[in-house]
Amino acid sequence: MMARLLALLGLSLALALGAGPAGAQVFTPQSAAGLSVSFQSERMGASRVLIFGDVRNASNVPYEHVVLLAEGLDEGGGAVSRGRTYVAGTVPPRGSAPFEVRLLSAGRERRFRVSVEAYQIAAPGGTQSP
């Protein structure tokens, strides 16, 4: 029993002291800084919806690992379908990048909403791999 308590205490201490963020950080924004999304939707049969568009960057820094959340909303504004996608590559400063996401349709969608769920500010000089 005492060994288990010491192991638990040691693990808690190691996690508290040694587990700091390493390298880049991914942010979940309250607002997506300089990022905005424009999109169109197109039904593909009875059970699928294609949403495609652009993420625009109005800032002077590049963004990478941008995650978008697409939701199909019913007439009351509640989400009835949902999907996520990554924007490929980097969204350049004062530029844009295309995206595409496919949703399984619940059949009750009246409109769609696409928002930036997370992003990472790209390192100066680009990302390097070892």
C-alpha atoms as a PDB file:
ATOM      1  CA  MET A   1       0.000   0.000   0.000  1.00  0.00           C
ATOM      2  CA  MET A   2       2.811   2.390   0.934  1.00  0.00           C
ATOM      3  CA  ALA A   3       4.680   1.602  -2.306  1.00  0.00           C
ATOM      4  CA  ARG A   4       1.560   2.415  -4.339  1.00  0.00           C
ATOM      5  CA  LEU A   5       1.139   5.736  -2.515  1.00  0.00           C
ATOM      6  CA  LEU A   6       4.798   6.660  -3.104  1.00  0.00           C
ATOM      7  CA  ALA A   7       4.549   5.726  -6.790  1.00  0.00           C
ATOM      8  CA  LEU A   8       1.430   7.874  -7.195  1.00  0.00           C
ATOM      9  CA  LEU A   9       3.071  10.790  -5.387  1.00  0.00           C
ATOM     10  CA  GLY A  10       6.219  10.460  -7.533  1.00  0.00           C
ATOM     11  CA  LEU A  11       4.191  10.376 -10.756  1.00  0.00           C
ATOM     12  CA  SER A  12       2.193  13.444  -9.714  1.00  0.00           C
ATOM     13  CA  LEU A  13       5.378  15.337  -8.876  1.00  0.00           C
ATOM     14  CA  ALA A  14       7.042  14.358 -12.168  1.00  0.00           C
ATOM     15  CA  LEU A  15       4.034  15.502 -14.166  1.00  0.00           C
ATOM     16  CA  ALA A  16       3.798  18.790 -12.288  1.00  0.00           C
ATOM     17  CA  LEU A  17       7.482  19.665 -12.646  1.00  0.00           C
ATOM     18  CA  GLY A  18       8.594  18.133 -15.901  1.00  0.00           C
ATOM     19  CA  ALA A  19       5.721  18.325 -18.335  1.00  0.00           C
ATOM     20  CA  GLY A  20       6.028  21.737 -19.941  1.00  0.00           C
ATOM     21  CA  PRO A  21       5.112  22.696 -23.504  1.00  0.00           C
ATOM     22  CA  ALA A  22       7.788  21.856 -26.040  1.00  0.00           C
ATOM     23  CA  GLY A  23       8.238  23.622 -29.355  1.00  0.00           C
ATOM     24  CA  ALA A  24       5.233  25.133 -31.059  1.00  0.00           C
ATOM     25  CA  GLN A  25       1.873  25.530 -29.402  1.00  0.00           C
ATOM     26  CA  VAL A  26      -1.546  25.088 -30.931  1.00  0.00           C
ATOM     27  CA  PHE A  27      -4.098  27.714 -29.954  1.00  0.00           C
ATOM     28  CA  THR A  28      -7.832  27.252 -29.656  1.00  0.00           C
ATOM     29  CA  PRO A  29      -8.998  30.788 -30.379  1.00  0.00           C
ATOM     30  CA  GLN A  30     -11.767  32.811 -28.780  1.00  0.00           C
ATOM     31  CA  SER A  31     -11.497  34.696 -32.048  1.00  0.00           C
ATOM     32  CA  ALA A  32      -9.300  33.528 -34.886  1.00  0.00           C
ATOM     33  CA  ALA A  33      -7.094  36.633 -34.934  1.00  0.00           C
ATOM     34  CA  GLY A  34      -6.692  37.623 -38.588  1.00  0.00           C
ATOM     35  CA  LEU A  35      -8.300  34.480 -40.033  1.00  0.00           C
ATOM     36  CA  SER A  36     -11.692  34.523 -41.738  1.00  0.00           C
ATOM     37  CA  VAL A  37     -13.584  31.862 -43.663  1.00  0.00           C
ATOM     38  CA  SER A  38     -15.729  32.119 -46.800  1.00  0.00           C
ATOM     39  CA  PHE A  39     -17.468  29.025 -48.150  1.00  0.00           C
ATOM     40  CA  GLN A  40     -20.151  27.481 -50.334  1.00  0.00           C
ATOM     41  CA  SER A  41     -22.122  24.297 -49.790  1.00  0.00           C
ATOM     42  CA  GLU A  42     -23.356  21.760 -52.296  1.00  0.00           C
ATOM     43  CA  ARG A  43     -25.547  18.699 -51.699  1.00  0.00           C
ATOM     44  CA  MET A  44     -24.176  15.457 -53.095  1.00  0.00           C
ATOM     45  CA  GLY A  45     -27.121  13.080 -53.089  1.00  0.00           C
ATOM     46  CA  ALA A  46     -29.458  12.596 -50.161  1.00  0.00           C
ATOM     47  CA  SER A  47     -26.881  11.946 -47.458  1.00  0.00           C
ATOM     48  CA  ARG A  48     -23.772  14.034 -48.193  1.00  0.00           C
ATOM     49  CA  VAL A  49     -22.844  17.705 -48.262  1.00  0.00           C
ATOM     50  CA  LEU A  50     -19.655  19.193 -49.704  1.00  0.00           C
ATOM     51  CA  ILE A  51     -18.492  22.457 -48.138  1.00  0.00           C
ATOM     52  CA  PHE A  52     -15.600  24.225 -49.846  1.00  0.00           C
ATOM     53  CA  GLY A  53     -14.046  27.662 -49.691  1.00  0.00           C
ATOM     54  CA  ASP A  54     -11.065  29.697 -48.545  1.00  0.00           C
ATOM     55  CA  VAL A  55      -9.436  30.694 -45.285  1.00  0.00           C
ATOM     56  CA  ARG A  56      -8.156  34.266 -45.559  1.00  0.00           C
ATOM     57  CA  ASN A  57      -5.335  35.657 -43.472  1.00  0.00           C
ATOM     58  CA  ALA A  58      -5.486  39.417 -42.864  1.00  0.00           C
ATOM     59  CA  SER A  59      -2.441  39.434 -40.581  1.00  0.00           C
ATOM     60  CA  ASN A  60       1.281  39.751 -41.267  1.00  0.00           C
ATOM     61  CA  VAL A  61       2.160  36.279 -39.923  1.00  0.00           C
ATOM     62  CA  PRO A  62       1.646  32.868 -41.577  1.00  0.00           C
ATOM     63  CA  TYR A  63      -0.627  30.257 -39.972  1.00  0.00           C
ATOM     64  CA  GLU A  64      -0.282  26.490 -40.213  1.00  0.00           C
ATOM     65  CA  HIS A  65      -2.132  23.458 -38.859  1.00  0.00           C
ATOM     66  CA  VAL A  66      -5.414  25.353 -39.204  1.00  0.00           C
ATOM     67  CA  VAL A  67      -8.380  23.218 -38.121  1.00  0.00           C
ATOM     68  CA  LEU A  68     -11.878  24.116 -39.306  1.00  0.00           C
ATOM     69  CA  LEU A  69     -15.178  23.013 -37.783  1.00  0.00           C
ATOM     70  CA  ALA A  70     -18.111  22.766 -40.222  1.00  0.00           C
ATOM     71  CA  GLU A  71     -21.629  22.406 -38.837  1.00  0.00           C
ATOM     72  CA  GLY A  72     -25.000  21.874 -40.436  1.00  0.00           C
ATOM     73  CA  LEU A  73     -27.642  23.858 -38.545  1.00  0.00           C
ATOM     74  CA  ASP A  74     -31.361  23.176 -38.316  1.00  0.00           C
ATOM     75  CA  GLU A  75     -34.021  25.899 -38.459  1.00  0.00           C
ATOM     76  CA  GLY A  76     -33.551  26.633 -34.746  1.00  0.00           C
ATOM     77  CA  GLY A  77     -29.778  27.065 -35.113  1.00  0.00           C
ATOM     78  CA  GLY A  78     -28.836  23.767 -33.457  1.00  0.00           C
ATOM     79  CA  ALA A  79     -26.048  21.652 -34.926  1.00  0.00           C
ATOM     80  CA  VAL A  80     -27.394  18.480 -36.565  1.00  0.00           C
ATOM     81  CA  SER A  81     -24.247  17.482 -38.478  1.00  0.00           C
ATOM     82  CA  ARG A  82     -20.593  18.210 -37.864  1.00  0.00           C
ATOM     83  CA  GLY A  83     -17.201  17.658 -39.469  1.00  0.00           C
ATOM     84  CA  ARG A  84     -13.611  18.833 -39.102  1.00  0.00           C
ATOM     85  CA  THR A  85     -10.826  19.348 -41.606  1.00  0.00           C
ATOM     86  CA  TYR A  86      -7.266  20.619 -41.743  1.00  0.00           C
ATOM     87  CA  VAL A  87      -6.323  23.364 -44.175  1.00  0.00           C
ATOM     88  CA  ALA A  88      -3.487  21.930 -46.284  1.00  0.00           C
ATOM     89  CA  GLY A  89      -0.153  23.694 -45.916  1.00  0.00           C
ATOM     90  CA  THR A  90       0.246  27.233 -44.670  1.00  0.00           C
ATOM     91  CA  VAL A  91      -2.106  30.199 -44.889  1.00  0.00           C
ATOM     92  CA  PRO A  92       0.341  32.929 -45.982  1.00  0.00           C
ATOM     93  CA  PRO A  93       0.353  36.485 -44.613  1.00  0.00           C
ATOM     94  CA  ARG A  94      -2.220  38.623 -46.458  1.00  0.00           C
ATOM     95  CA  GLY A  95      -3.162  35.525 -48.476  1.00  0.00           C
ATOM     96  CA  SER A  96      -5.586  32.617 -48.512  1.00  0.00           C
ATOM     97  CA  ALA A  97      -5.700  28.825 -48.694  1.00  0.00           C
ATOM     98  CA  PRO A  98      -8.493  26.557 -49.983  1.00  0.00           C
ATOM     99  CA  PHE A  99     -10.283  23.885 -47.961  1.00  0.00           C
ATOM    100  CA  GLU A 100     -12.875  21.194 -48.480  1.00  0.00           C
ATOM    101  CA  VAL A 101     -14.915  19.156 -45.994  1.00  0.00           C
ATOM    102  CA  ARG A 102     -17.587  16.510 -46.550  1.00  0.00           C
ATOM    103  CA  LEU A 103     -20.412  16.006 -44.085  1.00  0.00           C
ATOM    104  CA  LEU A 104     -22.896  13.208 -43.656  1.00  0.00           C
ATOM    105  CA  SER A 105     -26.223  14.997 -43.894  1.00  0.00           C
ATOM    106  CA  ALA A 106     -28.913  14.529 -41.277  1.00  0.00           C
ATOM    107  CA  GLY A 107     -31.401  15.892 -43.820  1.00  0.00           C
ATOM    108  CA  ARG A 108     -32.505  18.708 -41.493  1.00  0.00           C
ATOM    109  CA  GLU A 109     -29.774  21.241 -42.331  1.00  0.00           C
ATOM    110  CA  ARG A 110     -31.103  24.659 -43.312  1.00  0.00           C
ATOM    111  CA  ARG A 111     -27.750  26.453 -43.313  1.00  0.00           C
ATOM    112  CA  PHE A 112     -24.098  25.807 -42.545  1.00  0.00           C
ATOM    113  CA  ARG A 113     -21.463  27.400 -40.348  1.00  0.00           C
ATOM    114  CA  VAL A 114     -17.681  27.053 -40.719  1.00  0.00           C
ATOM    115  CA  SER A 115     -15.351  28.376 -38.029  1.00  0.00           C
ATOM    116  CA  VAL A 116     -11.661  28.231 -37.169  1.00  0.00           C
ATOM    117  CA  GLU A 117     -11.288  25.765 -34.314  1.00  0.00           C
ATOM    118  CA  ALA A 118      -7.498  25.803 -33.848  1.00  0.00           C
ATOM    119  CA  TYR A 119      -4.335  27.091 -35.496  1.00  0.00           C
ATOM    120  CA  GLN A 120      -0.603  27.434 -35.036  1.00  0.00           C
ATOM    121  CA  ILE A 121       1.447  30.506 -35.877  1.00  0.00           C
ATOM    122  CA  ALA A 122       4.154  29.321 -38.268  1.00  0.00           C
ATOM    123  CA  ALA A 123       7.761  29.644 -37.162  1.00  0.00           C
ATOM    124  CA  PRO A 124       9.825  32.302 -38.971  1.00  0.00           C
ATOM    125  CA  GLY A 125      11.654  30.694 -41.868  1.00  0.00           C
ATOM    126  CA  GLY A 126       9.202  27.802 -42.113  1.00  0.00           C
ATOM    127  CA  THR A 127       8.909  24.444 -40.431  1.00  0.00           C
ATOM    128  CA  GLN A 128      11.966  22.213 -40.515  1.00  0.00           C
ATOM    129  CA  SER A 129      12.118  18.485 -39.977  1.00  0.00           C
ATOM    130  CA  PRO A 130      15.125  16.706 -38.436  1.00  0.00           C
END
